[in-house]
Amino acid sequence: MYSLGKPDEFSHSCAPINIYAAFMGPNPRTSFTPYTYSPNIHPSSFIGPFSTIIGAVRISSNVFVGPNTSIRADEGYPFYIGKNTNIQDGVILHGLKDKRIRIKNSLYSIYIGDNVTCAHGCIIHGPCFIGDNSFIGFNAIVLNAVLEEGIYVSPDSIITNGVTIPSNSFVPPGASIDTQEKANALNEVPTDKEEFAKEVIRVNTEFPKSYSLLFGRHRCSCGLSCDDPLW
């Protein structure tokens, strides 16, 4: 029978090796992106193994990026990810060329505010804006849309076609919100969903620091962390 054993025994025998660093680098030069830009990542944030971050991506403080994510600003750019936001396992961020949204006198392909959850497997495709304290559920798709503050997007739903989702709106599971009429008819976020979204944020704000300590005190520019650097 499989047993985890005592915590100290388990941590000793199965300590993280972390030989697989995330890939973080500049975008390639193309006819539509003639200049190269490198990601700007706050040192308090954590980028999980097997993840890719390319181009003009700014990641604010205490952001958790889970394993196997793709944040690729090589066509549409720039991207912004606000503080205490979590981008969970398998999430994809990408943008269409020459399609941007104006936020505070600046143009963005993707702008994600503070305290936002992008849950496992969702796709955020620019041009789009996701306001503070919003929750994007499993396998949901947001493409060419504006989500105001406090939106709850349920799993497997689609928001697209240039719609604006009003603040504190609830998008039901599997819904397709592709007209402004549908967006305006949405109900407010139920209390239980609001509390769930807050708890997800609370849990994930602990991960950047705790994962960094788990993998090591010293972090290389390649994303690898360890306790005993070679240099």
C-alpha atoms as a PDB file:
ATOM      1  CA  MET A   1       0.000   0.000   0.000  1.00  0.00           C
ATOM      2  CA  TYR A   2       1.334   3.420  -0.971  1.00  0.00           C
ATOM      3  CA  SER A   3       2.237   5.650   1.966  1.00  0.00           C
ATOM      4  CA  LEU A   4       3.624   9.169   2.126  1.00  0.00           C
ATOM      5  CA  GLY A   5       5.492   8.350   5.318  1.00  0.00           C
ATOM      6  CA  LYS A   6       6.535  10.966   7.799  1.00  0.00           C
ATOM      7  CA  PRO A   7       6.782  14.530   6.440  1.00  0.00           C
ATOM      8  CA  ASP A   8      10.527  14.803   7.109  1.00  0.00           C
ATOM      9  CA  GLU A   9      11.221  11.446   5.438  1.00  0.00           C
ATOM     10  CA  PHE A  10       9.164  12.373   2.399  1.00  0.00           C
ATOM     11  CA  SER A  11      10.782  15.775   1.984  1.00  0.00           C
ATOM     12  CA  HIS A  12      14.244  14.244   2.285  1.00  0.00           C
ATOM     13  CA  SER A  13      13.729  11.456  -0.249  1.00  0.00           C
ATOM     14  CA  CYS A  14      11.656  13.452  -2.747  1.00  0.00           C
ATOM     15  CA  ALA A  15      13.162  16.936  -2.546  1.00  0.00           C
ATOM     16  CA  PRO A  16      12.567  19.059  -5.659  1.00  0.00           C
ATOM     17  CA  ILE A  17      15.401  18.897  -8.165  1.00  0.00           C
ATOM     18  CA  ASN A  18      14.114  21.687 -10.434  1.00  0.00           C
ATOM     19  CA  ILE A  19      16.352  20.862 -13.383  1.00  0.00           C
ATOM     20  CA  TYR A  20      13.758  22.212 -15.805  1.00  0.00           C
ATOM     21  CA  ALA A  21      13.774  25.985 -15.908  1.00  0.00           C
ATOM     22  CA  ALA A  22      11.113  28.165 -17.458  1.00  0.00           C
ATOM     23  CA  PHE A  23      11.922  29.797 -20.795  1.00  0.00           C
ATOM     24  CA  MET A  24      11.908  33.596 -20.673  1.00  0.00           C
ATOM     25  CA  GLY A  25      13.234  35.633 -23.553  1.00  0.00           C
ATOM     26  CA  PRO A  26      12.672  38.308 -26.209  1.00  0.00           C
ATOM     27  CA  ASN A  27      10.245  38.058 -29.097  1.00  0.00           C
ATOM     28  CA  PRO A  28      11.594  37.454 -32.614  1.00  0.00           C
ATOM     29  CA  ARG A  29      11.724  40.374 -35.039  1.00  0.00           C
ATOM     30  CA  THR A  30       9.047  40.250 -37.718  1.00  0.00           C
ATOM     31  CA  SER A  31       7.376  42.638 -40.146  1.00  0.00           C
ATOM     32  CA  PHE A  32       4.628  43.305 -37.589  1.00  0.00           C
ATOM     33  CA  THR A  33       6.929  43.349 -34.512  1.00  0.00           C
ATOM     34  CA  PRO A  34      10.131  44.998 -35.767  1.00  0.00           C
ATOM     35  CA  TYR A  35      11.730  45.407 -32.334  1.00  0.00           C
ATOM     36  CA  THR A  36      12.632  42.900 -29.648  1.00  0.00           C
ATOM     37  CA  TYR A  37      11.334  43.240 -26.098  1.00  0.00           C
ATOM     38  CA  SER A  38      12.179  41.148 -23.071  1.00  0.00           C
ATOM     39  CA  PRO A  39       9.851  40.233 -20.193  1.00  0.00           C
ATOM     40  CA  ASN A  40       9.888  42.427 -17.075  1.00  0.00           C
ATOM     41  CA  ILE A  41       9.137  40.196 -14.072  1.00  0.00           C
ATOM     42  CA  HIS A  42       9.019  41.412 -10.493  1.00  0.00           C
ATOM     43  CA  PRO A  43      11.471  39.438  -8.322  1.00  0.00           C
ATOM     44  CA  SER A  44       8.730  38.528  -5.835  1.00  0.00           C
ATOM     45  CA  SER A  45       6.780  36.604  -8.490  1.00  0.00           C
ATOM     46  CA  PHE A  46       7.225  32.916  -9.287  1.00  0.00           C
ATOM     47  CA  ILE A  47       7.343  31.312 -12.739  1.00  0.00           C
ATOM     48  CA  GLY A  48       6.623  27.588 -12.710  1.00  0.00           C
ATOM     49  CA  PRO A  49       8.624  24.912 -14.556  1.00  0.00           C
ATOM     50  CA  PHE A  50       8.026  24.283 -18.273  1.00  0.00           C
ATOM     51  CA  SER A  51       6.449  27.729 -18.695  1.00  0.00           C
ATOM     52  CA  THR A  52       7.241  30.152 -21.505  1.00  0.00           C
ATOM     53  CA  ILE A  53       7.230  33.937 -21.294  1.00  0.00           C
ATOM     54  CA  ILE A  54       8.177  35.778 -24.472  1.00  0.00           C
ATOM     55  CA  GLY A  55       8.333  39.437 -25.427  1.00  0.00           C
ATOM     56  CA  ALA A  56       6.855  42.595 -23.918  1.00  0.00           C
ATOM     57  CA  VAL A  57       5.292  41.053 -20.831  1.00  0.00           C
ATOM     58  CA  ARG A  58       5.233  42.943 -17.528  1.00  0.00           C
ATOM     59  CA  ILE A  59       4.480  40.827 -14.459  1.00  0.00           C
ATOM     60  CA  SER A  60       3.859  42.730 -11.230  1.00  0.00           C
ATOM     61  CA  SER A  61       4.576  41.727  -7.641  1.00  0.00           C
ATOM     62  CA  ASN A  62       3.600  38.438  -6.026  1.00  0.00           C
ATOM     63  CA  VAL A  63       2.215  36.862  -9.201  1.00  0.00           C
ATOM     64  CA  PHE A  64       2.069  33.063  -9.359  1.00  0.00           C
ATOM     65  CA  VAL A  65       2.522  31.511 -12.800  1.00  0.00           C
ATOM     66  CA  GLY A  66       1.895  27.773 -12.668  1.00  0.00           C
ATOM     67  CA  PRO A  67       3.680  25.055 -14.656  1.00  0.00           C
ATOM     68  CA  ASN A  68       3.161  24.602 -18.400  1.00  0.00           C
ATOM     69  CA  THR A  69       1.816  28.072 -19.105  1.00  0.00           C
ATOM     70  CA  SER A  70       2.423  30.020 -22.312  1.00  0.00           C
ATOM     71  CA  ILE A  71       2.559  33.823 -22.154  1.00  0.00           C
ATOM     72  CA  ARG A  72       3.621  34.774 -25.665  1.00  0.00           C
ATOM     73  CA  ALA A  73       3.705  38.442 -26.708  1.00  0.00           C
ATOM     74  CA  ASP A  74       5.237  37.878 -30.128  1.00  0.00           C
ATOM     75  CA  GLU A  75       2.310  38.955 -32.317  1.00  0.00           C
ATOM     76  CA  GLY A  76       0.057  41.120 -30.178  1.00  0.00           C
ATOM     77  CA  TYR A  77       1.824  43.121 -27.452  1.00  0.00           C
ATOM     78  CA  PRO A  78       2.364  44.378 -24.755  1.00  0.00           C
ATOM     79  CA  PHE A  79       0.902  42.259 -21.929  1.00  0.00           C
ATOM     80  CA  TYR A  80       0.405  43.419 -18.343  1.00  0.00           C
ATOM     81  CA  ILE A  81      -0.342  41.171 -15.339  1.00  0.00           C
ATOM     82  CA  GLY A  82      -1.225  42.889 -12.067  1.00  0.00           C
ATOM     83  CA  LYS A  83      -0.146  42.122  -8.516  1.00  0.00           C
ATOM     84  CA  ASN A  84      -1.371  39.070  -6.597  1.00  0.00           C
ATOM     85  CA  THR A  85      -2.771  37.552  -9.774  1.00  0.00           C
ATOM     86  CA  ASN A  86      -2.396  33.845 -10.491  1.00  0.00           C
ATOM     87  CA  ILE A  87      -1.997  32.275 -13.921  1.00  0.00           C
ATOM     88  CA  GLN A  88      -2.580  28.591 -13.327  1.00  0.00           C
ATOM     89  CA  ASP A  89      -1.311  25.423 -15.026  1.00  0.00           C
ATOM     90  CA  GLY A  90      -1.751  25.216 -18.783  1.00  0.00           C
ATOM     91  CA  VAL A  91      -3.091  28.753 -19.287  1.00  0.00           C
ATOM     92  CA  ILE A  92      -2.385  30.400 -22.655  1.00  0.00           C
ATOM     93  CA  LEU A  93      -1.993  34.152 -23.218  1.00  0.00           C
ATOM     94  CA  HIS A  94      -1.593  35.390 -26.791  1.00  0.00           C
ATOM     95  CA  GLY A  95      -2.729  38.385 -28.836  1.00  0.00           C
ATOM     96  CA  LEU A  96      -3.685  39.421 -32.366  1.00  0.00           C
ATOM     97  CA  LYS A  97      -1.343  41.781 -34.199  1.00  0.00           C
ATOM     98  CA  ASP A  98      -2.277  45.460 -34.307  1.00  0.00           C
ATOM     99  CA  LYS A  99      -5.279  44.888 -32.022  1.00  0.00           C
ATOM    100  CA  ARG A 100      -5.036  46.707 -28.691  1.00  0.00           C
ATOM    101  CA  ILE A 101      -7.121  48.205 -25.911  1.00  0.00           C
ATOM    102  CA  ARG A 102      -6.393  51.632 -24.420  1.00  0.00           C
ATOM    103  CA  ILE A 103      -5.905  51.625 -20.641  1.00  0.00           C
ATOM    104  CA  LYS A 104      -4.880  54.847 -18.874  1.00  0.00           C
ATOM    105  CA  ASN A 105      -3.446  56.438 -22.033  1.00  0.00           C
ATOM    106  CA  SER A 106      -1.458  53.292 -22.917  1.00  0.00           C
ATOM    107  CA  LEU A 107      -2.241  50.542 -25.406  1.00  0.00           C
ATOM    108  CA  TYR A 108      -2.202  46.850 -24.449  1.00  0.00           C
ATOM    109  CA  SER A 109      -2.872  43.609 -26.230  1.00  0.00           C
ATOM    110  CA  ILE A 110      -3.724  41.963 -22.893  1.00  0.00           C
ATOM    111  CA  TYR A 111      -4.248  43.767 -19.589  1.00  0.00           C
ATOM    112  CA  ILE A 112      -5.000  41.670 -16.508  1.00  0.00           C
ATOM    113  CA  GLY A 113      -5.615  43.569 -13.286  1.00  0.00           C
ATOM    114  CA  ASP A 114      -4.856  42.841  -9.629  1.00  0.00           C
ATOM    115  CA  ASN A 115      -6.134  39.810  -7.708  1.00  0.00           C
ATOM    116  CA  VAL A 116      -7.276  37.960 -10.823  1.00  0.00           C
ATOM    117  CA  THR A 117      -7.461  34.182 -11.167  1.00  0.00           C
ATOM    118  CA  CYS A 118      -6.914  32.585 -14.558  1.00  0.00           C
ATOM    119  CA  ALA A 119      -7.762  28.971 -13.728  1.00  0.00           C
ATOM    120  CA  HIS A 120      -6.329  25.804 -15.274  1.00  0.00           C
ATOM    121  CA  GLY A 121      -6.446  25.576 -19.034  1.00  0.00           C
ATOM    122  CA  CYS A 122      -8.183  28.849 -19.850  1.00  0.00           C
ATOM    123  CA  ILE A 123      -7.245  30.936 -22.887  1.00  0.00           C
ATOM    124  CA  ILE A 124      -6.866  34.711 -22.665  1.00  0.00           C
ATOM    125  CA  HIS A 125      -6.456  36.101 -26.177  1.00  0.00           C
ATOM    126  CA  GLY A 126      -5.941  39.761 -26.915  1.00  0.00           C
ATOM    127  CA  PRO A 127      -7.196  42.256 -27.456  1.00  0.00           C
ATOM    128  CA  CYS A 128      -8.761  42.000 -24.008  1.00  0.00           C
ATOM    129  CA  PHE A 129      -8.998  43.633 -20.601  1.00  0.00           C
ATOM    130  CA  ILE A 130      -9.721  41.755 -17.371  1.00  0.00           C
ATOM    131  CA  GLY A 131     -10.514  43.953 -14.384  1.00  0.00           C
ATOM    132  CA  ASP A 132      -9.418  43.571 -10.774  1.00  0.00           C
ATOM    133  CA  ASN A 133     -10.820  40.757  -8.611  1.00  0.00           C
ATOM    134  CA  SER A 134     -12.104  38.727 -11.553  1.00  0.00           C
ATOM    135  CA  PHE A 135     -12.163  34.935 -11.881  1.00  0.00           C
ATOM    136  CA  ILE A 136     -11.706  33.116 -15.204  1.00  0.00           C
ATOM    137  CA  GLY A 137     -12.755  29.476 -14.852  1.00  0.00           C
ATOM    138  CA  PHE A 138     -11.335  26.215 -16.167  1.00  0.00           C
ATOM    139  CA  ASN A 139     -11.077  26.014 -19.980  1.00  0.00           C
ATOM    140  CA  ALA A 140     -12.899  29.312 -20.463  1.00  0.00           C
ATOM    141  CA  ILE A 141     -11.990  31.517 -23.452  1.00  0.00           C
ATOM    142  CA  VAL A 142     -11.784  35.310 -23.403  1.00  0.00           C
ATOM    143  CA  LEU A 143     -11.075  36.822 -26.844  1.00  0.00           C
ATOM    144  CA  ASN A 144     -11.580  40.427 -27.916  1.00  0.00           C
ATOM    145  CA  ALA A 145     -13.535  41.507 -24.846  1.00  0.00           C
ATOM    146  CA  VAL A 146     -13.546  43.883 -21.885  1.00  0.00           C
ATOM    147  CA  LEU A 147     -14.324  42.416 -18.473  1.00  0.00           C
ATOM    148  CA  GLU A 148     -14.939  45.054 -15.847  1.00  0.00           C
ATOM    149  CA  GLU A 149     -14.135  44.552 -12.156  1.00  0.00           C
ATOM    150  CA  GLY A 150     -15.310  41.524 -10.184  1.00  0.00           C
ATOM    151  CA  ILE A 151     -16.400  39.299 -13.068  1.00  0.00           C
ATOM    152  CA  TYR A 152     -16.907  35.560 -12.480  1.00  0.00           C
ATOM    153  CA  VAL A 153     -16.481  33.493 -15.642  1.00  0.00           C
ATOM    154  CA  SER A 154     -17.573  29.882 -15.166  1.00  0.00           C
ATOM    155  CA  PRO A 155     -15.806  26.872 -16.747  1.00  0.00           C
ATOM    156  CA  ASP A 156     -16.099  26.163 -20.487  1.00  0.00           C
ATOM    157  CA  SER A 157     -17.671  29.524 -21.311  1.00  0.00           C
ATOM    158  CA  ILE A 158     -16.709  31.872 -24.156  1.00  0.00           C
ATOM    159  CA  ILE A 159     -16.640  35.674 -24.164  1.00  0.00           C
ATOM    160  CA  THR A 160     -15.849  37.310 -27.491  1.00  0.00           C
ATOM    161  CA  ASN A 161     -16.869  39.624 -30.335  1.00  0.00           C
ATOM    162  CA  GLY A 162     -15.918  42.896 -28.652  1.00  0.00           C
ATOM    163  CA  VAL A 163     -18.406  42.715 -25.781  1.00  0.00           C
ATOM    164  CA  THR A 164     -18.060  44.520 -22.449  1.00  0.00           C
ATOM    165  CA  ILE A 165     -19.062  42.517 -19.387  1.00  0.00           C
ATOM    166  CA  PRO A 166     -20.431  44.866 -16.688  1.00  0.00           C
ATOM    167  CA  SER A 167     -18.889  44.820 -13.199  1.00  0.00           C
ATOM    168  CA  ASN A 168     -19.854  41.977 -10.831  1.00  0.00           C
ATOM    169  CA  SER A 169     -21.460  39.920 -13.597  1.00  0.00           C
ATOM    170  CA  PHE A 170     -21.747  36.128 -13.493  1.00  0.00           C
ATOM    171  CA  VAL A 171     -21.104  34.182 -16.712  1.00  0.00           C
ATOM    172  CA  PRO A 172     -22.764  30.740 -16.373  1.00  0.00           C
ATOM    173  CA  PRO A 173     -20.991  27.453 -17.221  1.00  0.00           C
ATOM    174  CA  GLY A 174     -20.741  26.826 -20.947  1.00  0.00           C
ATOM    175  CA  ALA A 175     -22.249  30.185 -21.898  1.00  0.00           C
ATOM    176  CA  SER A 176     -21.379  31.965 -25.145  1.00  0.00           C
ATOM    177  CA  ILE A 177     -21.425  35.724 -24.613  1.00  0.00           C
ATOM    178  CA  ASP A 178     -20.934  37.164 -28.097  1.00  0.00           C
ATOM    179  CA  THR A 179     -23.357  40.107 -28.159  1.00  0.00           C
ATOM    180  CA  GLN A 180     -23.685  43.130 -25.906  1.00  0.00           C
ATOM    181  CA  GLU A 181     -27.321  42.224 -25.309  1.00  0.00           C
ATOM    182  CA  LYS A 182     -26.256  38.904 -23.757  1.00  0.00           C
ATOM    183  CA  ALA A 183     -23.599  40.669 -21.696  1.00  0.00           C
ATOM    184  CA  ASN A 184     -26.061  43.234 -20.346  1.00  0.00           C
ATOM    185  CA  ALA A 185     -28.538  40.498 -19.363  1.00  0.00           C
ATOM    186  CA  LEU A 186     -26.108  38.659 -17.051  1.00  0.00           C
ATOM    187  CA  ASN A 187     -26.953  38.302 -13.359  1.00  0.00           C
ATOM    188  CA  GLU A 188     -24.713  39.412 -10.504  1.00  0.00           C
ATOM    189  CA  VAL A 189     -22.125  37.039  -9.062  1.00  0.00           C
ATOM    190  CA  PRO A 190     -23.733  34.745  -6.436  1.00  0.00           C
ATOM    191  CA  THR A 191     -22.335  35.029  -2.921  1.00  0.00           C
ATOM    192  CA  ASP A 192     -20.904  31.502  -2.907  1.00  0.00           C
ATOM    193  CA  LYS A 193     -19.013  32.108  -6.155  1.00  0.00           C
ATOM    194  CA  GLU A 194     -17.680  35.423  -4.874  1.00  0.00           C
ATOM    195  CA  GLU A 195     -16.399  33.729  -1.713  1.00  0.00           C
ATOM    196  CA  PHE A 196     -14.871  30.907  -3.745  1.00  0.00           C
ATOM    197  CA  ALA A 197     -12.992  33.372  -5.953  1.00  0.00           C
ATOM    198  CA  LYS A 198     -11.648  35.192  -2.883  1.00  0.00           C
ATOM    199  CA  GLU A 199     -10.432  31.935  -1.363  1.00  0.00           C
ATOM    200  CA  VAL A 200      -8.638  30.949  -4.581  1.00  0.00           C
ATOM    201  CA  ILE A 201      -6.819  34.280  -4.536  1.00  0.00           C
ATOM    202  CA  ARG A 202      -5.937  33.868  -0.852  1.00  0.00           C
ATOM    203  CA  VAL A 203      -4.421  30.435  -1.471  1.00  0.00           C
ATOM    204  CA  ASN A 204      -2.471  31.448  -4.555  1.00  0.00           C
ATOM    205  CA  THR A 205      -0.959  34.594  -3.036  1.00  0.00           C
ATOM    206  CA  GLU A 206       1.039  32.315  -0.729  1.00  0.00           C
ATOM    207  CA  PHE A 207       2.540  30.322  -3.589  1.00  0.00           C
ATOM    208  CA  PRO A 208       5.144  32.730  -5.062  1.00  0.00           C
ATOM    209  CA  LYS A 209       7.172  32.981  -1.861  1.00  0.00           C
ATOM    210  CA  SER A 210       6.641  29.388  -0.721  1.00  0.00           C
ATOM    211  CA  TYR A 211       7.582  27.863  -4.095  1.00  0.00           C
ATOM    212  CA  SER A 212      10.665  30.062  -4.311  1.00  0.00           C
ATOM    213  CA  LEU A 213      11.781  28.830  -0.893  1.00  0.00           C
ATOM    214  CA  LEU A 214      11.017  25.236  -1.867  1.00  0.00           C
ATOM    215  CA  PHE A 215      13.234  25.342  -4.946  1.00  0.00           C
ATOM    216  CA  GLY A 216      16.011  27.407  -3.393  1.00  0.00           C
ATOM    217  CA  ARG A 217      17.145  30.778  -2.099  1.00  0.00           C
ATOM    218  CA  HIS A 218      19.108  31.774  -5.213  1.00  0.00           C
ATOM    219  CA  ARG A 219      17.381  32.320  -8.534  1.00  0.00           C
ATOM    220  CA  CYS A 220      19.180  32.505 -11.868  1.00  0.00           C
ATOM    221  CA  SER A 221      18.015  34.693 -14.744  1.00  0.00           C
ATOM    222  CA  CYS A 222      17.029  31.484 -16.570  1.00  0.00           C
ATOM    223  CA  GLY A 223      14.395  30.801 -13.905  1.00  0.00           C
ATOM    224  CA  LEU A 224      16.286  28.046 -12.076  1.00  0.00           C
ATOM    225  CA  SER A 225      16.522  28.256  -8.286  1.00  0.00           C
ATOM    226  CA  CYS A 226      18.878  26.442  -5.952  1.00  0.00           C
ATOM    227  CA  ASP A 227      20.419  26.623  -2.491  1.00  0.00           C
ATOM    228  CA  ASP A 228      24.056  26.334  -3.589  1.00  0.00           C
ATOM    229  CA  PRO A 229      24.858  28.254  -6.792  1.00  0.00           C
ATOM    230  CA  LEU A 230      27.962  27.250  -8.700  1.00  0.00           C
ATOM    231  CA  TRP A 231      29.309  30.784  -9.121  1.00  0.00           C
END
